[in-house]
Protein backbone atom coordinates (compact mmCIF):
# COMPACT_ATOMS: atom_id res chain seq x y z
CA MET A 1 97.67 118.65 103.89
CA VAL A 2 95.48 119.67 106.80
CA ARG A 3 96.89 120.27 110.20
CA GLN A 4 96.34 117.38 112.57
CA GLU A 5 96.24 117.53 116.39
CA ILE A 6 98.95 115.17 117.75
CA ALA A 7 98.03 113.45 120.97
CA ALA A 8 101.49 112.13 121.53
CA ALA A 9 104.42 112.51 123.84
CA ALA A 10 108.17 112.39 123.32
CA SER A 11 111.10 113.56 125.43
CA ARG A 12 114.83 113.29 125.56
CA TYR A 13 116.45 111.90 128.64
CA THR A 14 117.57 115.13 130.35
CA SER A 15 118.17 116.31 133.87
CA ARG A 16 114.91 118.15 133.72
CA LYS A 17 112.58 115.58 132.17
CA ILE A 18 111.00 112.24 132.87
CA ARG A 19 111.49 112.78 136.61
CA GLY A 20 107.96 111.67 137.44
CA ARG A 21 108.22 108.44 135.48
CA GLY A 22 111.48 106.57 135.40
CA ALA A 23 112.50 104.29 132.60
CA GLY A 24 111.52 100.72 132.90
CA THR A 25 108.46 98.53 132.52
CA GLN A 26 105.15 99.41 134.11
CA THR A 27 103.33 96.64 135.80
CA TRP A 28 100.71 96.08 133.15
CA GLN A 29 103.26 96.34 130.33
CA GLN A 30 104.89 93.07 131.21
CA ARG A 31 101.55 91.44 131.06
CA ALA A 32 100.90 93.00 127.64
CA TYR A 33 104.23 91.48 126.32
CA ASP A 34 103.10 88.10 127.82
CA MET A 35 99.83 88.35 125.83
CA TYR A 36 101.83 89.23 122.68
CA HIS A 37 103.87 86.04 123.00
CA GLN A 38 100.95 83.84 124.04
CA VAL A 39 97.90 84.99 122.15
CA PRO A 40 98.22 84.86 118.33
CA GLU A 41 95.54 87.56 117.69
CA VAL A 42 97.67 90.09 119.69
CA ARG A 43 100.77 89.24 117.74
CA PHE A 44 98.82 89.50 114.45
CA ALA A 45 97.38 92.88 115.27
CA ALA A 46 100.70 94.20 116.41
CA SER A 47 102.57 92.80 113.35
CA TRP A 48 99.83 94.15 110.97
CA ILE A 49 100.22 97.64 112.31
CA GLY A 50 104.00 97.47 112.32
CA ASN A 51 104.13 96.11 108.69
CA ALA A 52 101.74 98.87 107.55
CA MET A 53 103.74 101.56 109.28
CA SER A 54 106.92 100.36 107.82
CA GLY A 55 105.44 101.08 104.23
CA ALA A 56 105.11 104.85 104.93
CA ARG A 57 107.70 107.42 103.94
CA LEU A 58 109.25 110.09 106.22
CA TYR A 59 110.08 113.50 104.81
CA ALA A 60 110.94 117.05 105.94
CA GLY A 61 108.04 119.46 105.59
CA ARG A 62 107.47 123.14 106.28
CA ARG A 63 104.25 124.16 108.11
CA ASP A 64 102.65 127.20 106.42
CA ASP A 65 100.53 129.69 108.19
CA ASP A 66 97.38 128.06 106.87
CA GLY A 67 98.44 124.82 108.52
CA SER A 68 99.40 122.97 105.35
CA ILE A 69 102.76 121.11 105.07
CA ASP A 70 104.94 121.52 101.99
CA PRO A 71 107.83 119.20 101.35
CA ALA A 72 111.33 120.63 101.79
CA PRO A 73 113.05 121.46 98.53
CA PRO A 74 115.79 119.16 97.48
CA GLY A 75 119.15 120.03 99.17
CA HIS A 76 117.64 121.81 102.02
CA ARG A 77 119.22 121.18 105.38
CA ALA A 78 116.00 119.97 106.94
CA ALA A 79 115.68 117.38 104.06
CA GLU A 80 119.19 116.25 104.50
CA ILE A 81 118.64 115.62 108.31
CA VAL A 82 115.40 113.69 107.82
CA ASP A 83 117.04 111.58 104.97
CA GLN A 84 119.75 110.58 107.39
CA ILE A 85 117.41 109.44 110.15
CA ALA A 86 118.06 105.72 110.86
CA GLY A 87 120.52 105.56 108.05
CA GLY A 88 118.04 106.15 105.23
CA ALA A 89 114.85 104.72 103.82
CA ASP A 90 115.51 101.02 104.79
CA GLY A 91 116.39 101.97 108.35
CA GLN A 92 113.39 104.17 108.63
CA ALA A 93 111.15 101.38 107.50
CA GLN A 94 112.56 99.21 110.32
CA LEU A 95 112.21 101.92 112.83
CA LEU A 96 108.60 102.60 111.99
CA GLY A 97 107.80 98.88 111.87
CA SER A 98 109.30 98.38 115.31
CA PHE A 99 107.29 101.20 116.84
CA GLY A 100 104.11 99.75 115.29
CA LYS A 101 104.42 96.88 117.83
CA HIS A 102 105.76 98.94 120.70
CA LEU A 103 102.89 101.51 120.47
CA THR A 104 100.31 98.81 120.12
CA VAL A 105 101.40 96.50 122.95
CA PRO A 106 103.17 98.46 125.72
CA GLY A 107 102.37 101.89 124.24
CA GLU A 108 105.94 103.17 124.38
CA GLY A 109 109.43 102.64 123.13
CA TRP A 110 112.83 104.23 123.11
CA ILE A 111 115.09 105.60 120.45
CA ILE A 112 118.75 105.49 121.18
CA VAL A 113 121.10 107.40 118.82
CA ARG A 114 124.86 107.29 119.07
CA PRO A 115 127.61 108.76 116.94
CA ASN A 116 128.91 105.94 114.72
CA ASP A 117 132.50 106.63 115.73
CA GLN A 118 131.53 105.29 119.16
CA VAL A 119 129.83 102.23 117.57
CA LEU A 120 131.76 101.64 114.39
CA SER A 121 128.70 100.14 112.67
CA PRO A 122 129.50 98.87 109.16
CA TYR A 123 125.97 99.86 107.99
CA VAL A 124 126.29 103.65 108.42
CA PRO A 125 129.02 106.09 107.35
CA GLU A 126 131.76 106.99 109.95
CA ASP A 127 130.28 110.45 110.39
CA GLY A 128 126.70 109.12 110.71
CA HIS A 129 124.66 107.86 113.63
CA ASP A 130 123.64 104.46 114.84
CA TRP A 131 119.79 104.30 115.56
CA ARG A 132 118.36 101.63 117.72
CA VAL A 133 114.73 101.14 118.69
CA LEU A 134 114.42 99.50 122.20
CA SER A 135 111.53 98.28 124.34
CA VAL A 136 110.76 99.53 127.78
CA GLY A 137 112.28 96.22 129.08
CA GLU A 138 115.71 97.09 127.56
CA VAL A 139 115.99 100.57 129.11
CA ARG A 140 116.04 101.31 132.82
CA GLN A 141 116.80 104.28 134.99
CA GLN A 142 118.45 103.94 138.44
CA SER A 143 119.83 106.67 140.63
CA GLY A 144 119.57 109.19 137.86
CA LYS A 145 121.37 107.05 135.40
CA LEU A 146 119.93 105.71 132.18
CA THR A 147 121.18 102.28 131.01
CA ALA A 148 120.28 100.77 127.66
CA GLU A 149 120.81 97.10 126.71
CA ILE A 150 121.95 96.88 123.14
CA GLU A 151 122.89 93.47 121.75
CA GLY A 152 123.52 92.18 125.25
CA GLU A 153 125.77 95.09 126.16
CA GLU A 154 124.77 97.68 128.68
CA ILE A 155 125.25 101.19 127.37
CA PHE A 156 125.29 104.18 129.70
CA ILE A 157 123.36 107.23 128.46
CA PRO A 158 124.50 110.34 130.37
CA GLU A 159 121.94 113.06 131.23
CA ALA A 160 122.01 115.94 128.82
CA ASP A 161 121.72 119.59 129.73
CA PRO A 162 118.86 121.07 127.79
CA GLU A 163 120.69 124.38 127.54
CA THR A 164 123.97 122.98 126.29
CA MET A 165 123.12 119.94 124.15
CA ASP A 166 126.12 118.07 122.92
CA PRO A 167 125.52 117.34 119.20
CA ASP A 168 128.06 114.54 119.35
CA GLY A 169 126.75 112.84 122.47
CA PRO A 170 124.35 109.92 122.65
CA VAL A 171 120.55 110.63 122.71
CA ALA A 172 117.90 108.70 124.36
CA ILE A 173 114.31 109.69 123.23
CA ARG A 174 111.25 108.14 124.90
CA VAL A 175 108.19 107.93 122.65
CA TRP A 176 104.83 106.95 124.07
CA GLU A 177 101.08 107.31 123.85
CA PRO A 178 100.10 109.28 126.91
CA ASP A 179 97.45 107.87 129.32
CA PRO A 180 94.56 110.20 129.56
CA LEU A 181 94.60 110.02 133.31
CA ARG A 182 98.26 110.45 133.86
CA SER A 183 99.95 111.71 130.70
CA ILE A 184 103.49 110.82 131.88
CA GLU A 185 102.55 107.11 131.75
CA ALA A 186 101.90 105.09 128.58
CA ASP A 187 98.68 103.69 127.27
CA SER A 188 97.94 101.15 124.49
CA PRO A 189 95.00 99.24 122.89
CA VAL A 190 96.20 96.00 124.48
CA ARG A 191 96.10 97.52 127.99
CA SER A 192 92.29 97.79 128.10
CA SER A 193 92.00 94.17 126.82
CA LEU A 194 94.25 92.52 129.36
CA GLU A 195 91.50 90.95 131.39
CA LEU A 196 89.75 89.85 128.25
CA LEU A 197 93.01 88.23 127.01
CA GLU A 198 93.39 86.44 130.40
CA GLU A 199 89.95 85.07 129.83
CA LEU A 200 90.85 83.99 126.32
CA LEU A 201 93.82 82.03 127.74
CA LEU A 202 91.62 80.29 130.24
CA LEU A 203 89.21 79.38 127.46
CA ASN A 204 92.13 78.18 125.33
CA ALA A 205 93.27 75.97 128.25
CA ALA A 206 89.64 74.60 128.73
CA VAL A 207 89.38 73.67 125.09
CA LYS A 208 92.84 72.12 125.16
CA ALA A 209 91.81 70.00 128.24
CA ILE A 210 88.60 68.89 126.51
CA ALA A 211 90.51 67.74 123.52
CA ARG A 212 93.10 65.82 125.55
CA SER A 213 90.70 64.17 127.93
CA ARG A 214 89.67 60.60 127.00
CA ILE A 215 86.88 60.38 129.60
CA THR A 216 85.09 63.48 128.34
CA GLY A 217 85.98 63.05 124.70
CA ARG A 218 85.42 59.25 124.20
CA GLY A 219 83.40 58.35 127.34
CA LEU A 220 83.17 54.90 128.94
CA LEU A 221 82.42 51.50 127.53
CA LEU A 222 80.71 49.24 130.00
CA VAL A 223 80.93 45.47 129.32
CA PRO A 224 79.61 42.39 131.21
CA LYS A 225 82.25 40.77 133.35
CA GLY A 226 83.86 37.68 131.95
CA THR A 227 83.08 38.50 128.38
CA ARG A 228 85.31 36.37 126.09
CA PHE A 229 85.59 35.98 122.27
CA PRO A 230 87.73 33.71 120.04
CA SER A 231 91.48 34.51 119.93
CA SER A 232 93.18 35.38 116.72
CA GLN A 233 96.40 33.58 117.82
CA GLN A 234 95.34 30.04 118.84
CA GLN A 235 92.47 28.06 117.35
CA GLY A 236 89.78 27.32 119.84
CA ALA A 237 91.28 29.66 122.51
CA GLU A 238 89.61 32.71 123.97
CA ASP A 239 90.96 36.14 124.96
CA ASP A 240 89.82 38.40 127.64
CA LEU A 241 88.10 41.49 126.31
CA ILE A 242 89.81 43.79 128.82
CA GLU A 243 93.24 42.62 127.77
CA ILE A 244 92.45 43.39 124.18
CA PHE A 245 91.24 46.97 124.92
CA MET A 246 94.29 47.60 127.22
CA THR A 247 96.54 46.60 124.39
CA ILE A 248 94.76 49.06 122.12
CA ALA A 249 94.97 51.78 124.79
CA GLU A 250 98.73 51.32 125.15
CA THR A 251 99.05 51.80 121.41
CA ALA A 252 97.03 55.04 121.70
CA ILE A 253 99.43 56.32 124.31
CA ARG A 254 102.51 55.52 122.30
CA ASP A 255 101.01 56.92 119.14
CA PRO A 256 98.35 59.57 119.73
CA GLU A 257 97.64 59.92 115.94
CA SER A 258 96.64 56.19 115.65
CA ALA A 259 93.11 55.00 115.40
CA ALA A 260 93.45 53.40 118.85
CA ALA A 261 93.47 56.81 120.40
CA THR A 262 89.69 57.19 119.67
CA VAL A 263 88.70 54.20 121.86
CA PRO A 264 86.80 54.92 125.19
CA ILE A 265 87.84 53.79 128.59
CA VAL A 266 86.61 50.24 129.33
CA LEU A 267 85.06 49.25 132.60
CA GLU A 268 83.93 45.74 133.43
CA LEU A 269 80.86 45.22 135.53
CA PRO A 270 79.13 42.11 136.90
CA ALA A 271 76.95 40.39 134.40
CA ASP A 272 73.85 40.63 136.65
CA THR A 273 74.20 44.45 136.78
CA ILE A 274 74.50 45.05 133.05
CA GLY A 275 72.81 42.99 130.39
CA ASP A 276 74.65 44.34 127.31
CA PHE A 277 77.33 46.58 126.13
CA LYS A 278 76.81 50.25 126.92
CA HIS A 279 78.62 53.41 125.77
CA VAL A 280 78.36 56.21 128.41
CA THR A 281 79.53 59.69 127.38
CA PHE A 282 80.14 62.66 129.67
CA GLU A 283 79.19 65.54 127.36
CA SER A 284 78.97 68.94 128.95
CA GLN A 285 77.22 72.06 127.77
CA PHE A 286 80.40 73.89 128.68
CA ASP A 287 82.25 72.10 125.88
CA GLU A 288 80.31 73.96 123.21
CA LEU A 289 79.93 77.04 125.28
CA ALA A 290 83.73 77.29 125.67
CA LEU A 291 84.19 77.52 121.90
CA LYS A 292 81.51 80.25 121.59
CA LEU A 293 82.99 82.23 124.44
CA ARG A 294 86.41 82.01 122.85
CA GLU A 295 85.11 83.40 119.54
CA GLU A 296 83.33 86.11 121.47
CA ALA A 297 86.52 87.01 123.37
CA VAL A 298 88.49 87.29 120.14
CA ARG A 299 85.75 89.51 118.61
CA ARG A 300 85.70 91.78 121.60
CA PHE A 301 89.50 92.06 121.42
CA ALA A 302 89.20 93.03 117.70
CA THR A 303 86.75 95.75 118.38
CA GLY A 304 89.06 97.15 121.09
CA LEU A 305 91.88 97.67 118.56
CA GLU A 306 92.36 101.02 116.77
CA ILE A 307 91.81 99.36 113.41
CA PRO A 308 88.57 97.91 111.91
CA ALA A 309 87.71 94.60 113.53
CA GLU A 310 87.49 92.95 110.02
CA ILE A 311 91.25 93.23 109.73
CA LEU A 312 91.74 90.85 112.54
CA LEU A 313 88.55 88.78 112.06
CA GLY A 314 89.11 88.24 108.33
CA LEU A 315 87.79 89.82 105.15
CA GLY A 316 86.19 86.66 103.66
CA ASP A 317 82.75 88.18 103.23
CA VAL A 318 84.00 91.59 101.92
CA ASN A 319 84.39 92.42 98.23
CA HIS A 320 87.44 94.21 96.87
CA TRP A 321 85.85 97.70 97.30
CA GLY A 322 84.82 96.92 100.87
CA ALA A 323 88.36 95.61 101.55
CA TRP A 324 89.83 98.72 100.25
CA ALA A 325 87.48 100.89 102.28
CA LEU A 326 88.44 98.94 105.46
CA THR A 327 92.05 99.18 104.70
CA SER A 328 91.76 102.97 104.06
CA GLU A 329 89.90 103.37 107.36
CA ALA A 330 92.58 101.35 109.21
CA ILE A 331 95.30 103.64 107.78
CA ARG A 332 93.46 106.75 108.78
CA LEU A 333 92.46 105.69 112.29
CA GLY A 334 95.11 103.13 113.26
CA ILE A 335 98.32 103.82 111.25
CA GLU A 336 98.51 107.61 110.67
CA PRO A 337 98.07 108.60 114.42
CA LYS A 338 101.00 106.43 115.36
CA LEU A 339 103.05 107.76 112.48
CA ALA A 340 102.19 111.28 113.78
CA THR A 341 103.43 110.21 117.26
CA ILE A 342 106.81 109.26 115.94
CA SER A 343 107.01 112.21 113.60
CA HIS A 344 106.28 114.51 116.55
CA ALA A 345 109.10 112.83 118.47
CA LEU A 346 111.63 113.09 115.80
CA THR A 347 110.58 116.73 115.12
CA GLN A 348 110.79 117.95 118.71
CA GLN A 349 113.82 115.84 119.85
CA TRP A 350 115.92 115.66 116.78
CA LEU A 351 115.17 117.86 113.71
CA ARG A 352 114.38 121.13 115.45
CA PRO A 353 117.27 121.04 118.08
CA ILE A 354 119.68 120.50 115.20
CA LEU A 355 118.31 123.30 113.04
CA GLU A 356 118.16 125.62 116.04
CA SER A 357 121.73 124.88 117.06
CA GLU A 358 122.82 125.66 113.46
CA GLY A 359 121.12 129.07 113.47
CA ASP A 360 118.21 128.41 111.12
CA PRO A 361 115.79 131.38 111.75
CA GLU A 362 112.79 129.21 110.77
CA TRP A 363 113.74 126.12 112.72
CA HIS A 364 110.32 126.07 114.46
CA ARG A 365 108.50 125.70 111.11
CA TRP A 366 110.25 122.58 109.88
CA LEU A 367 109.06 119.18 111.02
CA VAL A 368 109.30 115.44 110.26
CA TRP A 369 106.21 114.27 108.58
CA TYR A 370 104.89 111.11 106.86
CA ASP A 371 103.47 110.04 103.63
CA THR A 372 101.12 107.06 103.43
CA SER A 373 100.32 107.10 99.71
CA PRO A 374 102.37 103.94 99.08
CA LEU A 375 99.94 102.14 101.45
CA ARG A 376 96.81 103.36 99.53
CA VAL A 377 97.79 102.39 95.98
CA ARG A 378 95.26 99.77 94.64
CA THR A 379 96.07 97.65 91.58
CA ASN A 380 92.73 98.48 89.81
CA ARG A 381 93.15 102.11 90.82
CA SER A 382 96.60 102.26 89.18
CA GLU A 383 95.25 100.60 86.02
CA THR A 384 92.41 103.11 86.05
CA ALA A 385 94.73 105.99 86.48
CA LEU A 386 96.80 104.88 83.48
CA GLU A 387 93.66 104.61 81.34
CA ALA A 388 92.49 108.02 82.50
CA TYR A 389 95.81 109.57 81.84
CA ASP A 390 95.86 108.20 78.29
CA ARG A 391 92.44 109.81 77.73
CA GLY A 392 93.85 113.12 79.06
CA VAL A 393 91.42 113.57 82.13
CA ILE A 394 94.00 113.52 84.86
CA SER A 395 97.37 115.26 85.31
CA ASP A 396 100.87 113.99 85.55
CA ALA A 397 100.89 114.57 89.27
CA ALA A 398 97.62 112.62 89.77
CA LEU A 399 99.03 109.66 87.74
CA ARG A 400 102.21 109.59 89.88
CA ARG A 401 100.12 109.81 93.10
CA GLU A 402 97.82 106.88 92.09
CA THR A 403 100.67 104.60 90.99
CA GLY A 404 102.63 105.15 94.09
CA PHE A 405 105.30 107.63 92.88
CA ASP A 406 105.89 111.20 94.04
CA ASP A 407 107.10 114.43 92.49
CA SER A 408 110.77 113.54 92.89
CA ASP A 409 110.19 110.84 90.22
CA ALA A 410 109.10 113.50 87.63
CA PRO A 411 111.33 113.82 84.63
CA GLY A 412 113.67 116.76 84.43
CA ALA A 413 113.41 119.62 82.00
CA ALA A 414 115.81 118.04 79.52
CA GLU A 415 113.85 114.74 79.59
CA GLU A 416 110.59 116.52 79.06
CA GLN A 417 111.92 118.35 76.09
CA THR A 418 113.25 115.14 74.45
CA ASP A 419 109.94 113.38 75.18
CA GLY A 420 108.06 116.22 73.79
CA GLU A 421 109.92 116.14 70.55
CA ASP A 422 109.50 112.45 70.16
CA GLN A 423 105.82 112.71 70.89
CA ALA A 424 105.44 115.36 68.28
CA ASP A 425 107.09 113.28 65.73
CA ASP A 426 104.88 110.30 66.59
CA ASP A 427 101.77 112.38 66.49
CA THR A 428 102.70 113.82 63.02
CA ALA A 429 103.36 110.36 61.61
CA ASP A 430 100.16 108.66 63.03
CA GLU A 431 97.67 111.48 62.81
CA SER A 432 94.58 110.72 60.85
CA PRO A 433 91.14 112.44 60.76
CA GLY A 434 88.71 111.29 63.39
CA GLU A 435 91.14 108.86 65.03
CA PRO A 436 91.46 110.35 68.62
CA ASN A 437 89.19 108.57 71.22
CA LEU A 438 89.31 111.07 74.05
CA PRO A 439 86.43 111.95 76.23
CA VAL A 440 87.78 115.61 76.21
CA ASP A 441 90.61 117.57 74.74
CA GLU A 442 93.72 117.54 77.00
CA SER A 443 94.29 121.24 76.36
CA GLU A 444 92.28 123.84 78.37
CA ALA A 445 93.06 126.61 75.85
CA GLU A 446 90.37 127.67 73.43
CA PRO A 447 90.73 126.18 69.93
CA ASP A 448 92.57 128.40 67.30
CA THR A 449 89.68 127.81 64.79
CA LEU A 450 87.08 129.73 66.99
CA PRO A 451 87.17 133.35 68.03
CA ALA A 452 87.19 134.07 71.70
CA SER A 453 83.45 135.05 71.56
CA ALA A 454 82.58 131.61 70.23
CA GLY A 455 83.56 129.86 73.47
CA PRO A 456 80.82 128.51 75.66
CA SER A 457 79.11 131.14 77.93
CA ASP A 458 79.23 130.94 81.61
CA GLY A 459 75.46 130.15 81.71
CA LEU A 460 76.00 127.21 79.27
CA LEU A 461 78.96 125.90 81.32
CA ALA A 462 76.94 126.12 84.54
CA ALA A 463 73.96 124.31 82.92
CA ALA A 464 76.05 121.57 81.33
CA ASP A 465 77.95 120.97 84.66
CA GLY A 466 74.64 120.63 86.43
CA LEU A 467 73.37 118.14 83.73
CA ILE A 468 76.60 116.05 84.14
CA TRP A 469 76.44 116.07 87.92
CA CYS A 470 72.78 115.01 87.88
CA ALA A 471 73.44 112.27 85.41
CA LEU A 472 76.28 110.89 87.48
CA THR A 473 74.12 111.07 90.60
CA ALA A 474 71.42 109.08 88.87
CA ALA A 475 73.95 106.60 87.62
CA GLY A 476 75.39 106.21 91.11
CA GLU A 477 71.90 105.46 92.54
CA LYS A 478 71.31 102.78 89.99
CA LEU A 479 74.91 101.50 90.47
CA ARG A 480 74.09 100.58 94.09
CA ARG A 481 71.48 98.07 92.77
CA THR A 482 73.89 96.35 90.36
CA PRO A 483 76.29 93.34 90.84
CA ALA A 484 79.07 95.85 91.14
CA CYS A 485 77.81 96.71 94.54
CA PRO A 486 76.80 93.55 96.55
CA ARG A 487 73.99 93.72 99.04
CA SER A 488 76.30 93.48 101.91
CA GLU A 489 78.00 96.76 100.88
CA ARG A 490 74.93 98.77 99.81
CA SER A 491 74.35 100.33 103.27
CA ARG A 492 77.99 101.29 103.50
CA SER A 493 77.95 102.73 100.02
CA ARG A 494 75.39 105.25 101.13
CA ASP A 495 78.10 107.25 102.89
CA VAL A 496 79.55 108.01 99.38
CA ASP A 497 78.09 110.70 97.16
CA SER A 498 76.14 109.01 94.38
CA ALA A 499 77.95 111.16 91.81
CA ARG A 500 81.24 109.75 92.92
CA LEU A 501 80.39 106.11 93.56
CA HIS A 502 81.59 105.04 90.14
CA THR A 503 85.18 106.01 91.15
CA LEU A 504 85.02 103.17 93.82
CA LEU A 505 83.08 100.49 92.01
CA PRO A 506 84.43 98.92 88.83
CA VAL A 507 82.24 99.44 85.74
CA GLU A 508 83.07 98.39 82.25
CA ALA A 509 82.09 100.43 79.29
CA ALA A 510 79.52 97.87 78.08
CA GLN A 511 77.97 97.68 81.49
CA VAL A 512 76.98 101.36 81.41
CA GLU A 513 74.59 100.45 78.59
CA GLN A 514 73.83 96.93 80.12
CA TRP A 515 72.64 98.40 83.43
CA ARG A 516 71.07 101.46 81.78
CA LEU A 517 72.99 103.79 84.11
CA LEU A 518 72.38 106.94 81.94
CA ASP A 519 68.89 106.22 80.69
CA GLY A 520 66.74 109.34 81.02
CA ALA A 521 69.75 111.39 82.33
CA TRP A 522 69.61 113.97 79.46
CA SER A 523 65.94 114.74 79.32
CA ARG A 524 66.61 118.48 79.83
CA ALA A 525 69.45 118.65 77.26
CA PRO A 526 67.24 119.89 74.41
CA GLU A 527 65.87 122.64 76.61
CA ILE A 528 69.36 123.77 77.57
CA ALA A 529 70.54 123.48 73.94
CA ALA A 530 67.61 125.74 72.80
CA ARG A 531 68.29 128.28 75.58
CA TYR A 532 71.99 128.80 74.64
CA GLY A 533 71.74 128.27 70.93
CA VAL A 534 73.64 125.04 70.48
CA ASP A 535 72.75 121.90 68.45
CA PRO A 536 70.80 119.62 70.78
CA GLU A 537 72.00 116.38 69.30
CA CYS A 538 75.62 117.61 69.56
CA LEU A 539 75.06 118.61 73.12
CA LEU A 540 73.42 115.33 74.11
CA ALA A 541 76.13 113.20 72.35
CA SER A 542 79.01 115.23 73.93
CA LEU A 543 77.64 114.97 77.46
CA ASP A 544 76.71 111.34 77.16
CA HIS A 545 80.06 110.36 75.74
CA TYR A 546 81.87 112.30 78.43
CA ALA A 547 79.86 110.73 81.30
CA ARG A 548 80.23 107.26 79.95
CA GLU A 549 83.96 107.66 79.80
CA LEU A 550 84.21 108.99 83.25
CA ILE A 551 82.13 106.09 84.63
CA ALA A 552 84.18 103.43 82.74
CA ALA A 553 87.51 105.03 83.73
CA GLY A 554 86.38 105.47 87.41
CA VAL A 555 87.35 109.21 87.21
CA GLU A 556 85.60 111.98 89.13
CA HIS A 557 83.97 114.83 87.24
CA GLU A 558 85.65 118.18 87.32
CA TYR A 559 84.13 121.56 86.44
CA ARG A 560 87.31 122.71 84.58
CA LEU A 561 86.75 120.06 81.88
CA VAL A 562 83.34 121.18 80.88
CA PRO A 563 84.56 123.80 78.35
CA THR A 564 86.51 121.11 76.50
CA VAL A 565 83.40 118.84 76.46
CA LEU A 566 81.36 121.66 74.83
CA THR A 567 84.00 122.70 72.29
CA SER A 568 82.54 120.75 69.36
CA CYS A 569 79.07 122.12 69.90
CA VAL A 570 79.78 125.88 70.27
CA GLY A 571 79.23 128.10 67.24
CA GLY A 572 75.52 128.21 66.73
CA VAL A 573 72.70 125.86 65.92
CA ARG A 574 73.50 123.50 63.08
């Protein structure tokens, strides 16, 4: 994993920190909370980010000199500390989900950790800790004292001395996204959109008023004065038109959903001023403009978020590949930076202080980190991984990664030995000549039937690798013009290497031939075969079969597989 720069801030409440910014709500943060409660788009965006973050997994890692992060081995003290954060995996999911909303709306939140013997929570062990995530409205600082409101009860958090930290004392950790102008203050995506959201509320009120107004919605009905028509109650009697309409209007007021609610307001004018019934409407250009302005305000708010606007606006016009690409971008740009913020806070203010106090000489190398692979698993990708694994072209680790598992789910040594014996028995019973249907042999070792000198030369390997890459590139260019890649996605697909496009777009085995993806791809195969002394028909058939299997399985080509592709063709011209 590559090192990432963390633009985040976190601090324990101590006598030497957070002096320039007391706990409590900044002026704009209360407005941001109001928008969360009043504007559904704000609530959706914050909830989407929170739900996505809750699906990530926290783990203890060790940063190497090259910047990579390796998971802590099972049983290591750092792994034990991280596993106990928030009481385990379920509590960590709630913690991350809560911070998804806090970092999106007000830009900050608090973590309050108390020994469970002070709380007696039934959900954690007696020697564990009670973890709470609180908003800035639930934590305040007055006269050097920090008070947190937890379940309606005010809890006093004493200042901690940074030189003599009490491992059994309560801890208050402020986590925030720093403002670029004043880093001690928080910033959030909603903050820059507050005026826009205020405008959206006004437009919502205008649309609501238009919908409720009878005079603008239904207009006026002008009738000549004294107009009468036969009564439905007494034969030969006449009713006044105004009385009839008033009765209908009263019904509309009592039951807004009745048909009577659609009648206009009736005005009676002298007969000499109006010769016939007239319906006068008061339509305004602002009525239609308000709807357009509201849509524009929502779109502008969507573009101001840290996730792709399509997540908020909807994915109706995006195919499954485009939806996956947008989701992946949202995870990379909107979810992982916030996970890094929380991981940084837990590392600096929880994990490392504990390891340092326990005398771990490498406490500064251990950190809390995150894994977002559970968020990236796609159903079609999982199915493809299973098919590719059955064909022997991906490893056990790759299969676990693509199906949402990790190395901790791998079988133990005893299980592998038992499975290997069972598989050997099955292979012996079912083996028949010519039956395997694999694009390449799963083993990378040279076959026992050939001497070492009979293996493919480096020149032949390089030439075959080039042929395969060029064939996949040509296939990818053609694939962009097939139904697998709709026109709306073709411009976006150009950001992907043509030789790798088949790993993102679904292609069935029959469609490789139907769309002629590999037509003309092997024109140089006879020349390469003659140069290195192999059968041209065998070389062409091996390369073509391998490329077709890769495209149909959605698997990327790897150079290490080329020797096994050429195994059947090595040994001289036939």
